[in-house]
Amino acid sequence: MSAETAALLRERLAALAPQSLAIEDESHLHAGHAGAKEGGHYKITIVAAAFAGQNTVKRHRLIHAAVGDLMRGRIHALSIRAFSPDEV
């Protein structure tokens, strides 16, 4: 995993005050894929109170708003599993 990209993801997602956050680099699974040259493929699992009462689309929008410009360079694809504390 690009330690720098993971650190940036953690820094940006801190705005959601996660109770837990796991970041996995899945770029190796996409070797040869056109996007593999333009940014990594990451999977996050995040638990945050900010997701309580929010549907999946709203949760993903919160995450994309937090990571912002990382999605236009460092990250080509982001797989998201987002939960509120009462769902885990």
N, C-alpha and C. Protein backbone atom coordinates (compact mmCIF):
# COMPACT_ATOMS: atom_id res chain seq x y z
N MET A 1 0.85 -1.18 0.00
CA MET A 1 0.00 0.00 0.00
C MET A 1 0.88 1.22 0.00
N SER A 2 0.49 2.19 -0.79
CA SER A 2 1.20 3.45 -0.72
C SER A 2 0.94 4.04 0.65
N ALA A 3 1.97 4.05 1.47
CA ALA A 3 1.82 4.56 2.84
C ALA A 3 1.36 6.01 2.83
N GLU A 4 1.83 6.75 1.85
CA GLU A 4 1.45 8.16 1.75
C GLU A 4 -0.04 8.31 1.43
N THR A 5 -0.55 7.51 0.50
CA THR A 5 -1.97 7.58 0.14
C THR A 5 -2.82 7.12 1.32
N ALA A 6 -2.42 6.06 1.99
CA ALA A 6 -3.17 5.59 3.16
C ALA A 6 -3.21 6.65 4.25
N ALA A 7 -2.10 7.32 4.48
CA ALA A 7 -2.05 8.38 5.48
C ALA A 7 -2.97 9.54 5.10
N LEU A 8 -2.99 9.88 3.82
CA LEU A 8 -3.88 10.94 3.35
C LEU A 8 -5.35 10.54 3.49
N LEU A 9 -5.66 9.27 3.19
CA LEU A 9 -7.02 8.78 3.38
C LEU A 9 -7.43 8.89 4.85
N ARG A 10 -6.56 8.43 5.75
CA ARG A 10 -6.85 8.51 7.19
C ARG A 10 -7.05 9.95 7.64
N GLU A 11 -6.20 10.82 7.15
CA GLU A 11 -6.28 12.25 7.50
C GLU A 11 -7.60 12.85 7.04
N ARG A 12 -7.98 12.59 5.81
CA ARG A 12 -9.22 13.16 5.27
C ARG A 12 -10.46 12.56 5.94
N LEU A 13 -10.43 11.24 6.17
CA LEU A 13 -11.59 10.58 6.77
C LEU A 13 -11.74 10.88 8.26
N ALA A 14 -10.71 11.45 8.87
CA ALA A 14 -10.79 11.85 10.27
C ALA A 14 -11.92 12.87 10.48
N ALA A 15 -12.27 13.60 9.44
CA ALA A 15 -13.35 14.58 9.51
C ALA A 15 -14.68 13.91 9.86
N LEU A 16 -14.80 12.60 9.59
CA LEU A 16 -16.03 11.87 9.91
C LEU A 16 -15.97 11.23 11.29
N ALA A 17 -14.90 11.46 12.02
CA ALA A 17 -14.70 10.93 13.37
C ALA A 17 -14.98 9.43 13.45
N PRO A 18 -14.26 8.64 12.65
CA PRO A 18 -14.53 7.20 12.63
C PRO A 18 -14.16 6.51 13.95
N GLN A 19 -15.01 5.58 14.34
CA GLN A 19 -14.69 4.74 15.50
C GLN A 19 -13.71 3.66 15.08
N SER A 20 -13.79 3.26 13.83
CA SER A 20 -12.80 2.34 13.28
C SER A 20 -12.68 2.60 11.79
N LEU A 21 -11.49 2.32 11.28
CA LEU A 21 -11.20 2.53 9.86
C LEU A 21 -10.13 1.54 9.42
N ALA A 22 -10.45 0.75 8.42
CA ALA A 22 -9.49 -0.18 7.83
C ALA A 22 -9.33 0.20 6.36
N ILE A 23 -8.08 0.26 5.93
CA ILE A 23 -7.77 0.61 4.54
C ILE A 23 -6.94 -0.52 3.94
N GLU A 24 -7.38 -1.04 2.79
CA GLU A 24 -6.65 -2.10 2.10
C GLU A 24 -6.32 -1.63 0.69
N ASP A 25 -5.09 -1.86 0.29
CA ASP A 25 -4.67 -1.57 -1.08
C ASP A 25 -4.94 -2.80 -1.92
N GLU A 26 -5.84 -2.70 -2.88
CA GLU A 26 -6.18 -3.81 -3.76
C GLU A 26 -5.63 -3.61 -5.17
N SER A 27 -4.68 -2.70 -5.29
CA SER A 27 -4.13 -2.36 -6.60
C SER A 27 -3.56 -3.58 -7.32
N HIS A 28 -2.94 -4.48 -6.57
CA HIS A 28 -2.33 -5.67 -7.19
C HIS A 28 -3.37 -6.55 -7.87
N LEU A 29 -4.62 -6.46 -7.46
CA LEU A 29 -5.69 -7.25 -8.08
C LEU A 29 -6.11 -6.69 -9.44
N HIS A 30 -5.63 -5.49 -9.73
CA HIS A 30 -6.04 -4.81 -10.96
C HIS A 30 -4.86 -4.55 -11.90
N ALA A 31 -3.80 -5.28 -11.71
CA ALA A 31 -2.62 -5.12 -12.57
C ALA A 31 -3.03 -5.33 -14.03
N GLY A 32 -2.59 -4.43 -14.88
CA GLY A 32 -2.93 -4.52 -16.29
C GLY A 32 -4.17 -3.73 -16.64
N HIS A 33 -4.96 -3.38 -15.66
CA HIS A 33 -6.16 -2.56 -15.86
C HIS A 33 -5.72 -1.14 -16.18
N ALA A 34 -6.39 -0.49 -17.10
CA ALA A 34 -5.97 0.85 -17.53
C ALA A 34 -5.84 1.82 -16.36
N GLY A 35 -6.74 1.75 -15.40
CA GLY A 35 -6.71 2.66 -14.27
C GLY A 35 -5.57 2.41 -13.31
N ALA A 36 -4.97 1.24 -13.39
CA ALA A 36 -3.87 0.91 -12.48
C ALA A 36 -2.69 1.84 -12.67
N LYS A 37 -2.59 2.47 -13.84
CA LYS A 37 -1.50 3.40 -14.12
C LYS A 37 -1.78 4.79 -13.56
N GLU A 38 -3.04 5.10 -13.31
CA GLU A 38 -3.44 6.45 -12.93
C GLU A 38 -3.74 6.61 -11.45
N GLY A 39 -3.74 5.57 -10.69
CA GLY A 39 -4.04 5.66 -9.27
C GLY A 39 -4.35 4.28 -8.73
N GLY A 40 -4.33 4.17 -7.42
CA GLY A 40 -4.54 2.88 -6.79
C GLY A 40 -6.00 2.50 -6.62
N HIS A 41 -6.19 1.23 -6.31
CA HIS A 41 -7.51 0.69 -6.01
C HIS A 41 -7.51 0.38 -4.51
N TYR A 42 -8.40 1.02 -3.78
CA TYR A 42 -8.43 0.88 -2.33
C TYR A 42 -9.80 0.42 -1.85
N LYS A 43 -9.80 -0.28 -0.73
CA LYS A 43 -11.02 -0.74 -0.08
C LYS A 43 -11.00 -0.21 1.34
N ILE A 44 -12.08 0.47 1.73
CA ILE A 44 -12.14 0.96 3.11
C ILE A 44 -13.37 0.37 3.80
N THR A 45 -13.20 0.10 5.07
CA THR A 45 -14.30 -0.26 5.94
C THR A 45 -14.25 0.74 7.07
N ILE A 46 -15.34 1.47 7.24
CA ILE A 46 -15.38 2.57 8.20
C ILE A 46 -16.65 2.50 9.03
N VAL A 47 -16.50 2.77 10.31
CA VAL A 47 -17.62 2.84 11.24
C VAL A 47 -17.61 4.24 11.84
N ALA A 48 -18.72 4.97 11.69
CA ALA A 48 -18.79 6.33 12.21
C ALA A 48 -20.23 6.69 12.55
N ALA A 49 -20.39 7.45 13.61
CA ALA A 49 -21.72 7.91 14.00
C ALA A 49 -22.34 8.80 12.92
N ALA A 50 -21.52 9.42 12.11
CA ALA A 50 -22.02 10.29 11.03
C ALA A 50 -22.91 9.53 10.05
N PHE A 51 -22.82 8.21 10.02
CA PHE A 51 -23.60 7.42 9.08
C PHE A 51 -24.96 6.99 9.63
N ALA A 52 -25.23 7.26 10.90
CA ALA A 52 -26.51 6.87 11.50
C ALA A 52 -27.65 7.56 10.76
N GLY A 53 -28.64 6.78 10.37
CA GLY A 53 -29.80 7.32 9.69
C GLY A 53 -29.57 7.68 8.23
N GLN A 54 -28.37 7.41 7.69
CA GLN A 54 -28.04 7.75 6.31
C GLN A 54 -28.11 6.49 5.46
N ASN A 55 -28.63 6.62 4.23
CA ASN A 55 -28.63 5.47 3.34
C ASN A 55 -27.24 5.32 2.70
N THR A 56 -27.05 4.28 1.94
CA THR A 56 -25.75 3.98 1.35
C THR A 56 -25.24 5.12 0.46
N VAL A 57 -26.11 5.68 -0.35
CA VAL A 57 -25.69 6.76 -1.25
C VAL A 57 -25.20 7.96 -0.45
N LYS A 58 -25.91 8.34 0.58
CA LYS A 58 -25.50 9.49 1.40
C LYS A 58 -24.18 9.21 2.12
N ARG A 59 -23.99 7.99 2.57
CA ARG A 59 -22.73 7.60 3.23
C ARG A 59 -21.56 7.74 2.25
N HIS A 60 -21.76 7.23 1.04
CA HIS A 60 -20.71 7.30 0.04
C HIS A 60 -20.41 8.75 -0.35
N ARG A 61 -21.43 9.56 -0.42
CA ARG A 61 -21.22 10.99 -0.72
C ARG A 61 -20.39 11.67 0.37
N LEU A 62 -20.67 11.34 1.63
CA LEU A 62 -19.88 11.90 2.74
C LEU A 62 -18.42 11.51 2.60
N ILE A 63 -18.18 10.26 2.26
CA ILE A 63 -16.81 9.77 2.12
C ILE A 63 -16.12 10.43 0.93
N HIS A 64 -16.80 10.49 -0.20
CA HIS A 64 -16.20 11.12 -1.39
C HIS A 64 -15.93 12.60 -1.15
N ALA A 65 -16.81 13.27 -0.42
CA ALA A 65 -16.58 14.68 -0.09
C ALA A 65 -15.34 14.83 0.80
N ALA A 66 -15.14 13.88 1.70
CA ALA A 66 -13.99 13.93 2.61
C ALA A 66 -12.67 13.66 1.88
N VAL A 67 -12.66 12.72 0.96
CA VAL A 67 -11.40 12.38 0.29
C VAL A 67 -11.11 13.29 -0.90
N GLY A 68 -12.15 13.95 -1.40
CA GLY A 68 -12.01 14.99 -2.41
C GLY A 68 -11.05 14.71 -3.55
N ASP A 69 -10.03 15.54 -3.65
CA ASP A 69 -9.11 15.50 -4.79
C ASP A 69 -8.29 14.23 -4.89
N LEU A 70 -8.24 13.41 -3.86
CA LEU A 70 -7.52 12.14 -3.95
C LEU A 70 -8.13 11.24 -5.03
N MET A 71 -9.42 11.43 -5.28
CA MET A 71 -10.11 10.62 -6.28
C MET A 71 -9.74 11.03 -7.70
N ARG A 72 -9.03 12.11 -7.86
CA ARG A 72 -8.64 12.58 -9.19
C ARG A 72 -7.15 12.38 -9.45
N GLY A 73 -6.55 11.43 -8.79
CA GLY A 73 -5.14 11.22 -9.04
C GLY A 73 -4.58 10.01 -8.31
N ARG A 74 -4.53 10.08 -7.00
CA ARG A 74 -3.95 9.00 -6.22
C ARG A 74 -4.83 7.76 -6.16
N ILE A 75 -6.14 7.97 -6.26
CA ILE A 75 -7.09 6.85 -6.15
C ILE A 75 -7.89 6.74 -7.44
N HIS A 76 -7.82 5.57 -8.05
CA HIS A 76 -8.61 5.31 -9.26
C HIS A 76 -9.96 4.71 -8.88
N ALA A 77 -9.96 3.82 -7.88
CA ALA A 77 -11.19 3.16 -7.46
C ALA A 77 -11.20 3.03 -5.94
N LEU A 78 -12.38 3.22 -5.37
CA LEU A 78 -12.53 3.14 -3.92
C LEU A 78 -13.75 2.29 -3.61
N SER A 79 -13.51 1.14 -3.00
CA SER A 79 -14.59 0.27 -2.56
C SER A 79 -14.90 0.65 -1.11
N ILE A 80 -16.17 0.87 -0.82
CA ILE A 80 -16.56 1.41 0.49
C ILE A 80 -17.54 0.49 1.20
N ARG A 81 -17.22 0.21 2.46
CA ARG A 81 -18.16 -0.44 3.38
C ARG A 81 -18.27 0.52 4.55
N ALA A 82 -19.43 1.16 4.69
CA ALA A 82 -19.62 2.19 5.71
C ALA A 82 -20.79 1.81 6.62
N PHE A 83 -20.52 1.85 7.93
CA PHE A 83 -21.51 1.44 8.92
C PHE A 83 -21.64 2.49 10.02
N SER A 84 -22.82 2.53 10.60
CA SER A 84 -22.98 3.32 11.82
C SER A 84 -22.64 2.38 12.98
N PRO A 85 -22.33 2.91 14.15
CA PRO A 85 -21.92 2.05 15.28
C PRO A 85 -22.96 0.99 15.65
N ASP A 86 -24.24 1.30 15.51
CA ASP A 86 -25.26 0.32 15.89
C ASP A 86 -25.42 -0.81 14.88
N GLU A 87 -24.72 -0.72 13.74
CA GLU A 87 -24.79 -1.77 12.72
C GLU A 87 -23.67 -2.80 12.84
N VAL A 88 -22.75 -2.55 13.75
CA VAL A 88 -21.63 -3.51 13.90
C VAL A 88 -21.67 -4.18 15.25
